[in-house]
């Protein structure tokens, strides 16, 4: 197995792991960060598959902008306290 194939396999496995963590984590902040990590790993996979334009779009929008929007939304919400 070549280095390229190993990096691609590792990137895709980490994409699946980060996606799974985003679904099962109970903390919204941790889930949003896991989703951002998934976007970065997917961006790396696109780069390794020789699609740098898609990788840049995925890193910029899928990982950075979407994660920032999620974090801002989480910050604006309040937890309802029991009375």
PDB file of N, CA and C in Angstrom:
ATOM      1  N   UNK A   1       0.848  -1.171   0.000  1.00  0.00           N
ATOM      2  CA  UNK A   1       0.000   0.000   0.000  1.00  0.00           C
ATOM      3  C   UNK A   1       0.897   1.239   0.000  1.00  0.00           C
ATOM      4  N   UNK A   2       0.622   2.135  -0.888  1.00  0.00           N
ATOM      5  CA  UNK A   2       1.462   3.320  -1.007  1.00  0.00           C
ATOM      6  C   UNK A   2       1.098   4.347   0.061  1.00  0.00           C
ATOM      7  N   UNK A   3       1.946   5.345   0.174  1.00  0.00           N
ATOM      8  CA  UNK A   3       1.704   6.415   1.142  1.00  0.00           C
ATOM      9  C   UNK A   3       0.430   7.168   0.803  1.00  0.00           C
ATOM     10  N   UNK A   4       0.187   7.393  -0.489  1.00  0.00           N
ATOM     11  CA  UNK A   4      -1.023   8.091  -0.926  1.00  0.00           C
ATOM     12  C   UNK A   4      -2.281   7.327  -0.516  1.00  0.00           C
ATOM     13  N   UNK A   5      -2.285   6.040  -0.737  1.00  0.00           N
ATOM     14  CA  UNK A   5      -3.445   5.217  -0.388  1.00  0.00           C
ATOM     15  C   UNK A   5      -3.637   5.167   1.121  1.00  0.00           C
ATOM     16  N   UNK A   6      -2.541   5.120   1.866  1.00  0.00           N
ATOM     17  CA  UNK A   6      -2.629   5.112   3.326  1.00  0.00           C
ATOM     18  C   UNK A   6      -3.213   6.420   3.848  1.00  0.00           C
ATOM     19  N   UNK A   7      -2.748   7.550   3.309  1.00  0.00           N
ATOM     20  CA  UNK A   7      -3.284   8.846   3.736  1.00  0.00           C
ATOM     21  C   UNK A   7      -4.755   8.984   3.383  1.00  0.00           C
ATOM     22  N   UNK A   8      -5.138   8.531   2.201  1.00  0.00           N
ATOM     23  CA  UNK A   8      -6.535   8.606   1.793  1.00  0.00           C
ATOM     24  C   UNK A   8      -7.418   7.734   2.677  1.00  0.00           C
ATOM     25  N   UNK A   9      -6.966   6.532   2.957  1.00  0.00           N
ATOM     26  CA  UNK A   9      -7.723   5.636   3.825  1.00  0.00           C
ATOM     27  C   UNK A   9      -7.867   6.224   5.221  1.00  0.00           C
ATOM     28  N   UNK A  10      -6.767   6.755   5.768  1.00  0.00           N
ATOM     29  CA  UNK A  10      -6.810   7.352   7.092  1.00  0.00           C
ATOM     30  C   UNK A  10      -7.736   8.567   7.117  1.00  0.00           C
ATOM     31  N   UNK A  11      -7.702   9.366   6.068  1.00  0.00           N
ATOM     32  CA  UNK A  11      -8.559  10.540   5.990  1.00  0.00           C
ATOM     33  C   UNK A  11     -10.035  10.146   5.936  1.00  0.00           C
ATOM     34  N   UNK A  12     -10.355   9.133   5.160  1.00  0.00           N
ATOM     35  CA  UNK A  12     -11.746   8.703   5.061  1.00  0.00           C
ATOM     36  C   UNK A  12     -12.241   8.042   6.343  1.00  0.00           C
ATOM     37  N   UNK A  13     -11.373   7.284   7.003  1.00  0.00           N
ATOM     38  CA  UNK A  13     -11.755   6.680   8.281  1.00  0.00           C
ATOM     39  C   UNK A  13     -12.002   7.772   9.326  1.00  0.00           C
ATOM     40  N   UNK A  14     -11.125   8.779   9.359  1.00  0.00           N
ATOM     41  CA  UNK A  14     -11.311   9.873  10.317  1.00  0.00           C
ATOM     42  C   UNK A  14     -12.556  10.691   9.992  1.00  0.00           C
ATOM     43  N   UNK A  15     -12.926  10.794   8.716  1.00  0.00           N
ATOM     44  CA  UNK A  15     -14.165  11.469   8.331  1.00  0.00           C
ATOM     45  C   UNK A  15     -15.362  10.748   8.914  1.00  0.00           C
ATOM     46  N   UNK A  16     -15.373   9.438   8.801  1.00  0.00           N
ATOM     47  CA  UNK A  16     -16.482   8.642   9.338  1.00  0.00           C
ATOM     48  C   UNK A  16     -16.510   8.722  10.864  1.00  0.00           C
ATOM     49  N   UNK A  17     -15.353   8.645  11.506  1.00  0.00           N
ATOM     50  CA  UNK A  17     -15.291   8.720  12.975  1.00  0.00           C
ATOM     51  C   UNK A  17     -15.784  10.078  13.466  1.00  0.00           C
ATOM     52  N   UNK A  18     -15.347  11.148  12.827  1.00  0.00           N
ATOM     53  CA  UNK A  18     -15.784  12.485  13.239  1.00  0.00           C
ATOM     54  C   UNK A  18     -17.280  12.662  13.004  1.00  0.00           C
ATOM     55  N   UNK A  19     -17.798  12.139  11.917  1.00  0.00           N
ATOM     56  CA  UNK A  19     -19.237  12.203  11.670  1.00  0.00           C
ATOM     57  C   UNK A  19     -20.025  11.425  12.703  1.00  0.00           C
ATOM     58  N   UNK A  20     -19.525  10.252  13.074  1.00  0.00           N
ATOM     59  CA  UNK A  20     -20.174   9.460  14.112  1.00  0.00           C
ATOM     60  C   UNK A  20     -20.162  10.197  15.445  1.00  0.00           C
ATOM     61  N   UNK A  21     -19.026  10.809  15.780  1.00  0.00           N
ATOM     62  CA  UNK A  21     -18.939  11.566  17.025  1.00  0.00           C
ATOM     63  C   UNK A  21     -19.890  12.761  17.028  1.00  0.00           C
ATOM     64  N   UNK A  22     -20.048  13.404  15.881  1.00  0.00           N
ATOM     65  CA  UNK A  22     -20.965  14.543  15.800  1.00  0.00           C
ATOM     66  C   UNK A  22     -22.399  14.110  16.072  1.00  0.00           C
ATOM     67  N   UNK A  23     -22.724  12.884  15.730  1.00  0.00           N
ATOM     68  CA  UNK A  23     -24.081  12.393  15.950  1.00  0.00           C
ATOM     69  C   UNK A  23     -24.294  11.943  17.391  1.00  0.00           C
ATOM     70  N   UNK A  24     -23.322  11.275  17.987  1.00  0.00           N
ATOM     71  CA  UNK A  24     -23.544  10.675  19.308  1.00  0.00           C
ATOM     72  C   UNK A  24     -23.188  11.590  20.480  1.00  0.00           C
ATOM     73  N   UNK A  25     -22.430  12.648  20.255  1.00  0.00           N
ATOM     74  CA  UNK A  25     -22.064  13.522  21.364  1.00  0.00           C
ATOM     75  C   UNK A  25     -23.286  14.277  21.867  1.00  0.00           C
ATOM     76  N   UNK A  26     -23.410  14.394  23.184  1.00  0.00           N
ATOM     77  CA  UNK A  26     -24.547  15.076  23.784  1.00  0.00           C
ATOM     78  C   UNK A  26     -24.312  16.582  23.901  1.00  0.00           C
ATOM     79  N   UNK A  27     -23.064  16.997  24.006  1.00  0.00           N
ATOM     80  CA  UNK A  27     -22.727  18.409  24.114  1.00  0.00           C
ATOM     81  C   UNK A  27     -22.748  19.041  22.727  1.00  0.00           C
ATOM     82  N   UNK A  28     -23.527  20.112  22.577  1.00  0.00           N
ATOM     83  CA  UNK A  28     -23.660  20.735  21.267  1.00  0.00           C
ATOM     84  C   UNK A  28     -22.356  21.343  20.767  1.00  0.00           C
ATOM     85  N   UNK A  29     -21.585  21.927  21.667  1.00  0.00           N
ATOM     86  CA  UNK A  29     -20.313  22.531  21.272  1.00  0.00           C
ATOM     87  C   UNK A  29     -19.351  21.467  20.742  1.00  0.00           C
ATOM     88  N   UNK A  30     -19.248  20.362  21.449  1.00  0.00           N
ATOM     89  CA  UNK A  30     -18.370  19.275  21.001  1.00  0.00           C
ATOM     90  C   UNK A  30     -18.851  18.679  19.681  1.00  0.00           C
ATOM     91  N   UNK A  31     -20.169  18.570  19.511  1.00  0.00           N
ATOM     92  CA  UNK A  31     -20.707  18.029  18.262  1.00  0.00           C
ATOM     93  C   UNK A  31     -20.420  18.967  17.093  1.00  0.00           C
ATOM     94  N   UNK A  32     -20.519  20.274  17.314  1.00  0.00           N
ATOM     95  CA  UNK A  32     -20.218  21.236  16.253  1.00  0.00           C
ATOM     96  C   UNK A  32     -18.743  21.185  15.878  1.00  0.00           C
ATOM     97  N   UNK A  33     -17.878  21.041  16.855  1.00  0.00           N
ATOM     98  CA  UNK A  33     -16.445  20.933  16.570  1.00  0.00           C
ATOM     99  C   UNK A  33     -16.114  19.622  15.848  1.00  0.00           C
ATOM    100  N   UNK A  34     -16.800  18.547  16.208  1.00  0.00           N
ATOM    101  CA  UNK A  34     -16.596  17.275  15.509  1.00  0.00           C
ATOM    102  C   UNK A  34     -17.055  17.382  14.053  1.00  0.00           C
ATOM    103  N   UNK A  35     -18.120  18.126  13.822  1.00  0.00           N
ATOM    104  CA  UNK A  35     -18.590  18.331  12.452  1.00  0.00           C
ATOM    105  C   UNK A  35     -17.589  19.166  11.651  1.00  0.00           C
ATOM    106  N   UNK A  36     -16.952  20.142  12.301  1.00  0.00           N
ATOM    107  CA  UNK A  36     -15.903  20.910  11.637  1.00  0.00           C
ATOM    108  C   UNK A  36     -14.696  20.043  11.303  1.00  0.00           C
ATOM    109  N   UNK A  37     -14.347  19.162  12.228  1.00  0.00           N
ATOM    110  CA  UNK A  37     -13.231  18.240  11.970  1.00  0.00           C
ATOM    111  C   UNK A  37     -13.563  17.302  10.814  1.00  0.00           C
ATOM    112  N   UNK A  38     -14.818  16.874  10.741  1.00  0.00           N
ATOM    113  CA  UNK A  38     -15.229  16.027   9.628  1.00  0.00           C
ATOM    114  C   UNK A  38     -15.052  16.759   8.298  1.00  0.00           C
ATOM    115  N   UNK A  39     -15.397  18.038   8.270  1.00  0.00           N
ATOM    116  CA  UNK A  39     -15.222  18.822   7.056  1.00  0.00           C
ATOM    117  C   UNK A  39     -13.766  18.955   6.659  1.00  0.00           C
ATOM    118  N   UNK A  40     -12.898  19.112   7.642  1.00  0.00           N
ATOM    119  CA  UNK A  40     -11.465  19.206   7.336  1.00  0.00           C
ATOM    120  C   UNK A  40     -10.906  17.892   6.802  1.00  0.00           C
ATOM    121  N   UNK A  41     -11.311  16.784   7.405  1.00  0.00           N
ATOM    122  CA  UNK A  41     -10.842  15.485   6.915  1.00  0.00           C
ATOM    123  C   UNK A  41     -11.374  15.202   5.506  1.00  0.00           C
ATOM    124  N   UNK A  42     -12.611  15.608   5.245  1.00  0.00           N
ATOM    125  CA  UNK A  42     -13.164  15.434   3.915  1.00  0.00           C
ATOM    126  C   UNK A  42     -12.442  16.316   2.906  1.00  0.00           C
ATOM    127  N   UNK A  43     -12.057  17.512   3.332  1.00  0.00           N
ATOM    128  CA  UNK A  43     -11.278  18.401   2.479  1.00  0.00           C
ATOM    129  C   UNK A  43      -9.927  17.777   2.137  1.00  0.00           C
ATOM    130  N   UNK A  44      -9.295  17.152   3.106  1.00  0.00           N
ATOM    131  CA  UNK A  44      -8.033  16.462   2.853  1.00  0.00           C
ATOM    132  C   UNK A  44      -8.227  15.316   1.868  1.00  0.00           C
ATOM    133  N   UNK A  45      -9.331  14.595   1.997  1.00  0.00           N
ATOM    134  CA  UNK A  45      -9.603  13.499   1.058  1.00  0.00           C
ATOM    135  C   UNK A  45      -9.778  14.027  -0.362  1.00  0.00           C
ATOM    136  N   UNK A  46     -10.488  15.155  -0.509  1.00  0.00           N
ATOM    137  CA  UNK A  46     -10.645  15.740  -1.839  1.00  0.00           C
ATOM    138  C   UNK A  46      -9.303  16.179  -2.409  1.00  0.00           C
ATOM    139  N   UNK A  47      -8.443  16.735  -1.560  1.00  0.00           N
ATOM    140  CA  UNK A  47      -7.123  17.155  -2.033  1.00  0.00           C
ATOM    141  C   UNK A  47      -6.297  15.945  -2.482  1.00  0.00           C
ATOM    142  N   UNK A  48      -6.365  14.870  -1.723  1.00  0.00           N
ATOM    143  CA  UNK A  48      -5.615  13.665  -2.096  1.00  0.00           C
ATOM    144  C   UNK A  48      -6.160  13.033  -3.371  1.00  0.00           C
ATOM    145  N   UNK A  49      -7.432  13.258  -3.654  1.00  0.00           N
ATOM    146  CA  UNK A  49      -8.028  12.744  -4.883  1.00  0.00           C
ATOM    147  C   UNK A  49      -7.830  13.691  -6.060  1.00  0.00           C
ATOM    148  N   UNK A  50      -6.934  14.661  -5.883  1.00  0.00           N
ATOM    149  CA  UNK A  50      -6.530  15.623  -6.912  1.00  0.00           C
ATOM    150  C   UNK A  50      -7.700  16.496  -7.380  1.00  0.00           C
ATOM    151  N   UNK A  51      -8.470  16.978  -6.408  1.00  0.00           N
ATOM    152  CA  UNK A  51      -9.536  17.937  -6.686  1.00  0.00           C
ATOM    153  C   UNK A  51      -9.332  19.145  -5.768  1.00  0.00           C
ATOM    154  N   UNK A  52      -8.296  19.959  -6.025  1.00  0.00           N
ATOM    155  CA  UNK A  52      -7.980  21.045  -5.093  1.00  0.00           C
ATOM    156  C   UNK A  52      -9.054  22.125  -5.036  1.00  0.00           C
ATOM    157  N   UNK A  53      -9.779  22.350  -6.121  1.00  0.00           N
ATOM    158  CA  UNK A  53     -10.837  23.354  -6.084  1.00  0.00           C
ATOM    159  C   UNK A  53     -11.972  22.928  -5.156  1.00  0.00           C
ATOM    160  N   UNK A  54     -12.327  21.661  -5.193  1.00  0.00           N
ATOM    161  CA  UNK A  54     -13.363  21.140  -4.300  1.00  0.00           C
ATOM    162  C   UNK A  54     -12.856  21.124  -2.864  1.00  0.00           C
ATOM    163  N   UNK A  55     -11.568  20.824  -2.682  1.00  0.00           N
ATOM    164  CA  UNK A  55     -10.982  20.805  -1.341  1.00  0.00           C
ATOM    165  C   UNK A  55     -11.002  22.189  -0.706  1.00  0.00           C
ATOM    166  N   UNK A  56     -10.685  23.210  -1.491  1.00  0.00           N
ATOM    167  CA  UNK A  56     -10.700  24.575  -0.965  1.00  0.00           C
ATOM    168  C   UNK A  56     -12.119  24.994  -0.607  1.00  0.00           C
ATOM    169  N   UNK A  57     -13.081  24.666  -1.459  1.00  0.00           N
ATOM    170  CA  UNK A  57     -14.480  24.999  -1.172  1.00  0.00           C
ATOM    171  C   UNK A  57     -14.971  24.262   0.072  1.00  0.00           C
ATOM    172  N   UNK A  58     -14.605  23.004   0.206  1.00  0.00           N
ATOM    173  CA  UNK A  58     -15.016  22.224   1.373  1.00  0.00           C
ATOM    174  C   UNK A  58     -14.378  22.775   2.647  1.00  0.00           C
ATOM    175  N   UNK A  59     -13.122  23.137   2.578  1.00  0.00           N
ATOM    176  CA  UNK A  59     -12.450  23.675   3.769  1.00  0.00           C
ATOM    177  C   UNK A  59     -13.021  25.031   4.155  1.00  0.00           C
ATOM    178  N   UNK A  60     -13.280  25.864   3.157  1.00  0.00           N
ATOM    179  CA  UNK A  60     -13.766  27.204   3.448  1.00  0.00           C
ATOM    180  C   UNK A  60     -15.209  27.248   3.892  1.00  0.00           C
ATOM    181  N   UNK A  61     -16.056  26.532   3.194  1.00  0.00           N
ATOM    182  CA  UNK A  61     -17.487  26.587   3.496  1.00  0.00           C
ATOM    183  C   UNK A  61     -17.896  25.450   4.420  1.00  0.00           C
ATOM    184  N   UNK A  62     -17.535  24.231   4.054  1.00  0.00           N
ATOM    185  CA  UNK A  62     -17.980  23.071   4.816  1.00  0.00           C
ATOM    186  C   UNK A  62     -17.387  22.971   6.200  1.00  0.00           C
ATOM    187  N   UNK A  63     -16.154  23.364   6.355  1.00  0.00           N
ATOM    188  CA  UNK A  63     -15.515  23.238   7.660  1.00  0.00           C
ATOM    189  C   UNK A  63     -15.541  24.549   8.433  1.00  0.00           C
ATOM    190  N   UNK A  64     -15.090  25.623   7.823  1.00  0.00           N
ATOM    191  CA  UNK A  64     -14.919  26.874   8.561  1.00  0.00           C
ATOM    192  C   UNK A  64     -16.232  27.638   8.744  1.00  0.00           C
ATOM    193  N   UNK A  65     -16.901  27.957   7.656  1.00  0.00           N
ATOM    194  CA  UNK A  65     -18.090  28.808   7.738  1.00  0.00           C
ATOM    195  C   UNK A  65     -19.243  28.106   8.450  1.00  0.00           C
ATOM    196  N   UNK A  66     -19.490  26.857   8.113  1.00  0.00           N
ATOM    197  CA  UNK A  66     -20.580  26.125   8.750  1.00  0.00           C
ATOM    198  C   UNK A  66     -20.331  25.947  10.241  1.00  0.00           C
ATOM    199  N   UNK A  67     -19.101  25.643  10.618  1.00  0.00           N
ATOM    200  CA  UNK A  67     -18.773  25.500  12.033  1.00  0.00           C
ATOM    201  C   UNK A  67     -18.945  26.828  12.758  1.00  0.00           C
ATOM    202  N   UNK A  68     -18.527  27.916  12.144  1.00  0.00           N
ATOM    203  CA  UNK A  68     -18.691  29.230  12.765  1.00  0.00           C
ATOM    204  C   UNK A  68     -20.168  29.568  12.957  1.00  0.00           C
ATOM    205  N   UNK A  69     -21.002  29.261  11.981  1.00  0.00           N
ATOM    206  CA  UNK A  69     -22.438  29.515  12.108  1.00  0.00           C
ATOM    207  C   UNK A  69     -23.038  28.662  13.217  1.00  0.00           C
ATOM    208  N   UNK A  70     -22.652  27.405  13.297  1.00  0.00           N
ATOM    209  CA  UNK A  70     -23.142  26.543  14.378  1.00  0.00           C
ATOM    210  C   UNK A  70     -22.718  27.079  15.744  1.00  0.00           C
ATOM    211  N   UNK A  71     -21.457  27.501  15.863  1.00  0.00           N
ATOM    212  CA  UNK A  71     -20.977  28.011  17.143  1.00  0.00           C
ATOM    213  C   UNK A  71     -21.694  29.297  17.539  1.00  0.00           C
ATOM    214  N   UNK A  72     -21.956  30.168  16.574  1.00  0.00           N
ATOM    215  CA  UNK A  72     -22.713  31.387  16.877  1.00  0.00           C
ATOM    216  C   UNK A  72     -24.141  31.062  17.294  1.00  0.00           C
ATOM    217  N   UNK A  73     -24.759  30.099  16.640  1.00  0.00           N
ATOM    218  CA  UNK A  73     -26.120  29.709  17.007  1.00  0.00           C
ATOM    219  C   UNK A  73     -26.168  29.099  18.404  1.00  0.00           C
ATOM    220  N   UNK A  74     -25.177  28.282  18.731  1.00  0.00           N
ATOM    221  CA  UNK A  74     -25.121  27.684  20.069  1.00  0.00           C
ATOM    222  C   UNK A  74     -24.905  28.766  21.116  1.00  0.00           C
ATOM    223  N   UNK A  75     -24.083  29.745  20.789  1.00  0.00           N
ATOM    224  CA  UNK A  75     -23.805  30.832  21.730  1.00  0.00           C
ATOM    225  C   UNK A  75     -25.049  31.683  22.000  1.00  0.00           C
ATOM    226  N   UNK A  76     -25.887  31.855  20.982  1.00  0.00           N
ATOM    227  CA  UNK A  76     -27.084  32.689  21.129  1.00  0.00           C
ATOM    228  C   UNK A  76     -28.227  31.987  21.865  1.00  0.00           C
ATOM    229  N   UNK A  77     -28.200  30.665  21.936  1.00  0.00           N
ATOM    230  CA  UNK A  77     -29.276  29.962  22.618  1.00  0.00           C
ATOM    231  C   UNK A  77     -28.998  29.897  24.117  1.00  0.00           C
ATOM    232  N   UNK A  78     -30.061  29.812  24.862  1.00  0.00           N
ATOM    233  CA  UNK A  78     -29.936  29.686  26.316  1.00  0.00           C
ATOM    234  C   UNK A  78     -30.542  28.376  26.750  1.00  0.00           C
ATOM    235  N   UNK A  79     -29.984  27.837  27.795  1.00  0.00           N
ATOM    236  CA  UNK A  79     -30.479  26.598  28.329  1.00  0.00           C
ATOM    237  C   UNK A  79     -31.639  26.902  29.274  1.00  0.00           C
ATOM    238  N   UNK A  80     -32.703  26.186  29.103  1.00  0.00           N
ATOM    239  CA  UNK A  80     -33.874  26.418  29.959  1.00  0.00           C
ATOM    240  C   UNK A  80     -33.630  25.755  31.309  1.00  0.00           C
ATOM    241  N   UNK A  81     -33.629  26.567  32.332  1.00  0.00           N
ATOM    242  CA  UNK A  81     -33.398  26.060  33.696  1.00  0.00           C
ATOM    243  C   UNK A  81     -34.719  25.642  34.323  1.00  0.00           C
ATOM    244  N   UNK A  82     -34.647  24.609  35.140  1.00  0.00           N
ATOM    245  CA  UNK A  82     -35.842  24.182  35.866  1.00  0.00           C
ATOM    246  C   UNK A  82     -36.113  25.170  36.987  1.00  0.00           C
ATOM    247  N   UNK A  83     -37.401  25.443  37.193  1.00  0.00           N
ATOM    248  CA  UNK A  83     -37.774  26.399  38.256  1.00  0.00           C
ATOM    249  C   UNK A  83     -38.133  25.703  39.521  1.00  0.00           C
TER     250      UNK A  83
END
